[in-house]
Amino acid sequence: MKEIIRKYKAQATKLLHLFENIYSWLPVASLIDDHIFVTHGGISDITDLNKINQIKRNKVCSFRKYIKEFLYD
């Protein structure tokens, strides 16, 4: 984010909103051959995969808690 602000000063806010919109439509994880779970950072031993399946796409506020759990914890 700092790099975008530094490089695209006047348009940085607009660009960051665009990225946020685009990323809200992308899958945060994938399942390969029904048994390999692939995600940005991994999942913890307390991650509930049923909650991940319930995530409605493009609803950032409604699932932000779960994304933080399995991407960053």
Protein backbone atom coordinates (compact mmCIF):
# COMPACT_ATOMS: atom_id res chain seq x y z
CA MET A 1 0.00 0.00 0.00
CA LYS A 2 2.81 2.41 0.84
CA GLU A 3 4.37 1.77 -2.56
CA ILE A 4 1.11 2.58 -4.35
CA ILE A 5 0.71 5.80 -2.39
CA ARG A 6 4.31 6.78 -3.12
CA LYS A 7 4.16 5.98 -6.84
CA TYR A 8 0.62 7.09 -7.68
CA LYS A 9 0.13 9.99 -5.25
CA ALA A 10 -2.89 11.75 -6.75
CA GLN A 11 -4.61 8.55 -7.86
CA ALA A 12 -3.59 6.30 -4.96
CA THR A 13 -6.95 6.32 -3.15
CA LYS A 14 -8.86 5.56 -6.32
CA LEU A 15 -6.41 2.81 -7.23
CA LEU A 16 -6.57 1.22 -3.76
CA HIS A 17 -10.37 1.17 -3.90
CA LEU A 18 -10.17 -0.47 -7.32
CA PHE A 19 -7.81 -3.16 -5.99
CA GLU A 20 -10.08 -3.74 -3.01
CA ASN A 21 -13.06 -4.20 -5.31
CA ILE A 22 -11.17 -6.59 -7.59
CA TYR A 23 -9.81 -8.68 -4.71
CA SER A 24 -13.26 -8.93 -3.13
CA TRP A 25 -14.35 -11.00 -6.14
CA LEU A 26 -11.35 -13.33 -6.18
CA PRO A 27 -11.39 -16.59 -4.26
CA VAL A 28 -9.36 -16.46 -1.06
CA ALA A 29 -8.74 -20.19 -1.28
CA SER A 30 -9.11 -23.16 -3.62
CA LEU A 31 -9.68 -26.85 -3.21
CA ILE A 32 -7.69 -29.10 -5.55
CA ASP A 33 -8.95 -32.63 -6.26
CA ASP A 34 -11.34 -32.36 -3.29
CA HIS A 35 -8.52 -32.77 -0.76
CA ILE A 36 -5.80 -30.11 -1.14
CA PHE A 37 -6.72 -26.77 0.43
CA VAL A 38 -4.69 -23.89 -1.06
CA THR A 39 -4.76 -20.40 0.43
CA HIS A 40 -2.57 -17.33 0.71
CA GLY A 41 -1.03 -18.05 4.09
CA GLY A 42 -2.47 -21.33 5.26
CA ILE A 43 -4.94 -22.27 7.95
CA SER A 44 -4.55 -22.88 11.64
CA ASP A 45 -5.60 -25.95 13.54
CA ILE A 46 -8.66 -24.04 14.81
CA THR A 47 -9.92 -22.95 11.39
CA ASP A 48 -13.44 -24.19 10.69
CA LEU A 49 -13.65 -25.16 7.01
CA ASN A 50 -17.45 -25.05 7.19
CA LYS A 51 -17.23 -21.32 7.94
CA ILE A 52 -15.02 -20.85 4.90
CA ASN A 53 -17.62 -22.58 2.73
CA GLN A 54 -20.31 -20.21 4.03
CA ILE A 55 -18.46 -17.04 2.94
CA LYS A 56 -20.47 -14.95 0.49
CA ARG A 57 -18.16 -13.39 -2.11
CA ASN A 58 -17.81 -9.63 -2.50
CA LYS A 59 -19.03 -8.99 1.04
CA VAL A 60 -15.77 -7.83 2.64
CA CYS A 61 -17.26 -6.73 5.95
CA SER A 62 -19.21 -9.94 6.53
CA PHE A 63 -16.22 -12.26 6.33
CA ARG A 64 -13.21 -10.10 7.19
CA LYS A 65 -12.83 -11.93 10.55
CA TYR A 66 -12.53 -15.31 8.81
CA ILE A 67 -10.15 -14.06 6.16
CA LYS A 68 -7.82 -12.71 8.83
CA GLU A 69 -8.03 -16.05 10.65
CA PHE A 70 -6.93 -18.24 7.78
CA LEU A 71 -4.71 -15.82 5.89
CA TYR A 72 -2.76 -14.16 8.65
CA ASP A 73 -2.92 -16.21 11.87
